[in-house]
Amino acid sequence: MDDNAEKILDAFDEWKEERALKDTMLDQANKQIEVSSEDNNVSSFDLYNRVYNENIVLMYKGAITFDLITSIIETLDRKITMIEQDKKVQKLFYSAAVEVVHNLYHHMDEMKGSFEGFTEQDAKSGMITVLAKEDYYNILTGNFIPTENTYSLKEKIDEVNTTDKSGLRTLYKETLSNGQFSDKGTAGLGLIQLARKTGEKLNYKFDKVNGQYSYFTFQIKINRK
């Protein structure tokens, strides 16, 4: 992983911690005071300015269901159509977003059993953030995953990241012929397609939560120019 990608993922971790802290503080404040209608308007305007200034296209944390990912994909398609003039970039973004969001959904099936240190609701939840910069889009996701599953996933991502453009084409054909497909995954085809279409490295990070589970953060960049 290059230095820029490492900084992006570290910043994403810091953002998660900051957001969790602010949510806690907000809950406490709501219990102590009753906010007037005028204050609500000011808070909403401040939130709008913050989202606008940070170029956040979409930000979601919560349960990941089939209906939810369908809604997220439709929302992203609509928003990107509004803010992106280049039709080729629109198509590329949509294709990458579908792959990333579907991968996030498939990971939910891996979370089964008892969860030490966090609730079942958190275990079945995911996070997705889409940022629009001047030269590129960033799609970032986060979700819990059994640690035993991280090794094969890491192997797949590393293989994709160390394969050149021509090799990715060959790897795709080989995986298509030899991969074991199921309704829960496509034997790594989605990862290969992301790298082929975007021409970018797949950036990721695993953080161990306890002896059984880890938190998986994934990031892909889609160039606008």
Protein backbone atom coordinates (compact mmCIF):
# COMPACT_ATOMS: atom_id res chain seq x y z
CA MET A 1 0.00 0.00 0.00
CA ASP A 2 1.44 3.44 -0.92
CA ASP A 3 1.82 6.33 1.54
CA ASN A 4 -1.18 8.25 0.19
CA ALA A 5 -3.47 5.25 0.52
CA GLU A 6 -2.20 4.62 4.05
CA LYS A 7 -2.99 8.23 4.96
CA ILE A 8 -6.48 7.92 3.50
CA LEU A 9 -7.27 4.78 5.50
CA ASP A 10 -5.77 6.23 8.70
CA ALA A 11 -7.83 9.37 8.20
CA PHE A 12 -10.91 7.20 7.72
CA ASP A 13 -10.19 5.49 11.06
CA GLU A 14 -9.85 8.87 12.74
CA TRP A 15 -13.09 10.02 11.12
CA LYS A 16 -14.91 6.94 12.47
CA GLU A 17 -13.65 7.61 15.99
CA GLU A 18 -14.48 11.32 15.78
CA ARG A 19 -17.97 10.56 14.46
CA ALA A 20 -18.63 8.02 17.24
CA LEU A 21 -17.53 10.57 19.85
CA LYS A 22 -19.69 13.29 18.37
CA ASP A 23 -22.70 10.94 18.23
CA THR A 24 -22.23 10.16 21.93
CA MET A 25 -21.92 13.84 22.82
CA LEU A 26 -24.99 14.63 20.74
CA ASP A 27 -27.04 11.93 22.48
CA GLN A 28 -26.02 13.30 25.86
CA ALA A 29 -26.84 16.85 24.84
CA ASN A 30 -30.27 15.85 23.54
CA LYS A 31 -31.08 14.30 26.90
CA GLN A 32 -30.14 17.46 28.79
CA ILE A 33 -31.65 20.23 26.69
CA GLU A 34 -34.61 20.89 24.43
CA VAL A 35 -33.49 22.46 21.20
CA SER A 36 -35.67 25.26 19.86
CA SER A 37 -36.95 25.35 16.29
CA GLU A 38 -34.57 28.22 15.48
CA ASP A 39 -31.60 26.27 16.80
CA ASN A 40 -32.61 23.29 14.70
CA ASN A 41 -32.48 25.44 11.57
CA VAL A 42 -29.02 26.71 12.44
CA SER A 43 -27.75 23.19 13.15
CA SER A 44 -29.14 21.90 9.87
CA PHE A 45 -27.46 24.75 7.98
CA ASP A 46 -24.13 24.08 9.73
CA LEU A 47 -24.39 20.40 8.83
CA TYR A 48 -25.14 21.28 5.21
CA ASN A 49 -22.05 23.51 5.05
CA ARG A 50 -19.86 20.81 6.57
CA VAL A 51 -21.03 18.16 4.11
CA TYR A 52 -20.67 20.59 1.19
CA ASN A 53 -17.16 21.69 2.18
CA GLU A 54 -15.96 18.10 2.65
CA ASN A 55 -17.39 17.10 -0.74
CA ILE A 56 -19.32 14.20 0.75
CA VAL A 57 -21.60 12.66 -1.87
CA LEU A 58 -22.95 9.97 0.43
CA MET A 59 -22.29 8.83 3.98
CA TYR A 60 -24.06 5.87 5.63
CA LYS A 61 -23.53 3.65 8.66
CA GLY A 62 -26.03 1.01 9.64
CA ALA A 63 -27.66 -2.28 8.71
CA ILE A 64 -26.79 -3.62 5.26
CA THR A 65 -29.71 -5.31 3.51
CA PHE A 66 -30.50 -6.06 -0.12
CA ASP A 67 -33.13 -3.31 -0.26
CA LEU A 68 -30.69 -0.89 1.35
CA ILE A 69 -27.87 -1.50 -1.13
CA THR A 70 -30.33 -1.17 -3.99
CA SER A 71 -31.37 2.22 -2.60
CA ILE A 72 -27.72 3.27 -2.13
CA ILE A 73 -26.81 2.37 -5.71
CA GLU A 74 -29.84 4.24 -7.07
CA THR A 75 -28.99 7.28 -4.94
CA LEU A 76 -25.36 7.30 -6.09
CA ASP A 77 -26.39 6.94 -9.72
CA ARG A 78 -28.71 9.93 -9.39
CA LYS A 79 -26.17 12.12 -7.55
CA ILE A 80 -23.24 11.35 -9.83
CA THR A 81 -25.39 12.12 -12.87
CA MET A 82 -26.04 15.53 -11.33
CA ILE A 83 -22.45 16.44 -10.42
CA GLU A 84 -20.38 14.64 -13.08
CA GLN A 85 -20.55 15.87 -16.66
CA ASP A 86 -18.29 13.25 -18.24
CA LYS A 87 -20.49 10.34 -19.31
CA LYS A 88 -17.53 7.96 -19.37
CA VAL A 89 -16.65 8.81 -15.76
CA GLN A 90 -20.31 8.44 -14.78
CA LYS A 91 -20.37 4.92 -16.21
CA LEU A 92 -17.03 4.01 -14.61
CA PHE A 93 -18.12 5.32 -11.21
CA TYR A 94 -21.44 3.47 -11.34
CA SER A 95 -19.75 0.20 -12.28
CA ALA A 96 -17.20 0.54 -9.45
CA ALA A 97 -19.85 1.56 -6.92
CA VAL A 98 -21.98 -1.48 -7.74
CA GLU A 99 -19.01 -3.81 -7.21
CA VAL A 100 -17.97 -2.18 -3.92
CA VAL A 101 -21.46 -2.04 -2.43
CA HIS A 102 -22.23 -5.63 -3.44
CA ASN A 103 -18.96 -6.79 -1.85
CA LEU A 104 -20.00 -5.03 1.35
CA TYR A 105 -23.36 -6.81 1.27
CA HIS A 106 -21.78 -10.24 0.73
CA HIS A 107 -19.59 -9.80 3.82
CA MET A 108 -22.71 -9.57 5.99
CA ASP A 109 -23.38 -13.29 5.50
CA GLU A 110 -20.01 -14.09 7.07
CA MET A 111 -21.00 -12.62 10.45
CA LYS A 112 -22.58 -15.43 12.43
CA GLY A 113 -22.49 -16.71 16.02
CA SER A 114 -21.74 -14.74 19.19
CA PHE A 115 -19.92 -11.41 19.21
CA GLU A 116 -17.55 -10.44 21.99
CA GLY A 117 -17.02 -6.74 22.53
CA PHE A 118 -19.74 -5.50 20.18
CA THR A 119 -23.41 -6.12 19.49
CA GLU A 120 -24.98 -8.27 16.79
CA GLN A 121 -26.44 -5.10 15.31
CA ASP A 122 -22.95 -3.62 14.93
CA ALA A 123 -21.67 -6.93 13.52
CA LYS A 124 -24.28 -6.83 10.76
CA SER A 125 -23.73 -3.13 10.04
CA GLY A 126 -21.48 -1.53 7.50
CA MET A 127 -20.18 1.89 6.58
CA ILE A 128 -19.90 3.54 3.18
CA THR A 129 -18.62 7.00 2.35
CA VAL A 130 -18.27 8.55 -1.10
CA LEU A 131 -16.13 11.67 -1.55
CA ALA A 132 -15.97 13.83 -4.66
CA LYS A 133 -12.64 15.56 -5.17
CA GLU A 134 -11.63 17.76 -8.08
CA ASP A 135 -9.64 15.04 -9.84
CA TYR A 136 -11.16 11.83 -8.49
CA TYR A 137 -13.85 10.08 -6.45
CA ASN A 138 -13.13 8.00 -3.37
CA ILE A 139 -15.38 5.13 -2.29
CA LEU A 140 -14.64 3.86 1.21
CA THR A 141 -16.36 1.02 3.04
CA GLY A 142 -15.97 -0.60 6.43
CA ASN A 143 -17.39 -3.78 7.95
CA PHE A 144 -16.66 -6.55 10.43
CA ILE A 145 -15.33 -9.84 9.08
CA PRO A 146 -14.24 -13.13 10.67
CA THR A 147 -10.47 -12.96 11.06
CA GLU A 148 -10.11 -16.42 9.53
CA ASN A 149 -11.57 -15.01 6.30
CA THR A 150 -9.12 -12.11 6.11
CA TYR A 151 -6.21 -14.26 4.98
CA SER A 152 -7.79 -15.45 1.72
CA LEU A 153 -9.22 -11.98 1.06
CA LYS A 154 -5.81 -10.38 1.61
CA GLU A 155 -4.26 -12.92 -0.75
CA LYS A 156 -6.78 -12.10 -3.47
CA ILE A 157 -6.34 -8.33 -3.12
CA ASP A 158 -2.54 -8.56 -3.05
CA GLU A 159 -2.57 -10.74 -6.16
CA VAL A 160 -4.69 -8.16 -7.98
CA ASN A 161 -2.49 -5.28 -6.81
CA THR A 162 0.72 -6.94 -8.00
CA THR A 163 -0.61 -7.88 -11.44
CA ASP A 164 -0.24 -5.54 -14.44
CA LYS A 165 -3.02 -4.63 -16.86
CA SER A 166 -2.33 -7.49 -19.26
CA GLY A 167 -2.01 -9.94 -16.39
CA LEU A 168 -5.33 -8.81 -14.93
CA ARG A 169 -7.03 -9.72 -18.19
CA THR A 170 -5.51 -13.20 -18.02
CA LEU A 171 -6.29 -13.53 -14.32
CA TYR A 172 -9.91 -12.59 -14.99
CA LYS A 173 -10.28 -15.28 -17.66
CA GLU A 174 -8.60 -17.90 -15.47
CA THR A 175 -10.77 -17.01 -12.47
CA LEU A 176 -13.86 -17.08 -14.65
CA SER A 177 -12.96 -20.59 -15.82
CA ASN A 178 -11.72 -22.04 -12.52
CA GLY A 179 -13.49 -20.00 -9.83
CA GLN A 180 -16.00 -21.59 -7.49
CA PHE A 181 -19.09 -19.43 -7.72
CA SER A 182 -21.98 -19.17 -5.31
CA ASP A 183 -24.77 -16.75 -4.46
CA LYS A 184 -22.47 -15.21 -1.83
CA GLY A 185 -19.52 -14.32 -4.02
CA THR A 186 -17.81 -14.40 -7.38
CA ALA A 187 -14.42 -15.93 -6.54
CA GLY A 188 -12.69 -12.51 -6.59
CA LEU A 189 -13.93 -11.44 -10.02
CA GLY A 190 -15.29 -8.18 -8.59
CA LEU A 191 -11.88 -7.23 -7.20
CA ILE A 192 -10.22 -7.94 -10.53
CA GLN A 193 -12.82 -5.91 -12.39
CA LEU A 194 -12.36 -2.95 -10.01
CA ALA A 195 -8.63 -2.88 -10.70
CA ARG A 196 -9.10 -3.34 -14.46
CA LYS A 197 -11.71 -0.63 -14.85
CA THR A 198 -10.22 2.01 -12.55
CA GLY A 199 -6.53 1.31 -13.19
CA GLU A 200 -5.95 1.90 -9.48
CA LYS A 201 -4.66 -0.18 -6.58
CA LEU A 202 -7.21 -1.63 -4.16
CA ASN A 203 -6.37 -0.13 -0.77
CA TYR A 204 -7.38 -2.01 2.35
CA LYS A 205 -6.72 -2.47 6.04
CA PHE A 206 -7.60 -5.12 8.63
CA ASP A 207 -7.86 -4.19 12.31
CA LYS A 208 -8.32 -7.03 14.79
CA VAL A 209 -11.27 -6.40 17.10
CA ASN A 210 -10.90 -9.55 19.21
CA GLY A 211 -9.72 -13.12 18.84
CA GLN A 212 -12.44 -13.95 16.35
CA TYR A 213 -13.26 -10.85 14.30
CA SER A 214 -11.53 -8.01 12.47
CA TYR A 215 -12.67 -4.73 10.93
CA PHE A 216 -12.11 -4.48 7.19
CA THR A 217 -11.66 -1.06 5.59
CA PHE A 218 -11.61 -0.86 1.78
CA GLN A 219 -10.96 2.07 -0.53
CA ILE A 220 -10.93 2.57 -4.28
CA LYS A 221 -10.25 5.72 -6.33
CA ILE A 222 -12.00 6.60 -9.58
CA ASN A 223 -10.20 9.24 -11.62
CA ARG A 224 -12.22 12.07 -13.12
CA LYS A 225 -9.52 13.19 -15.57
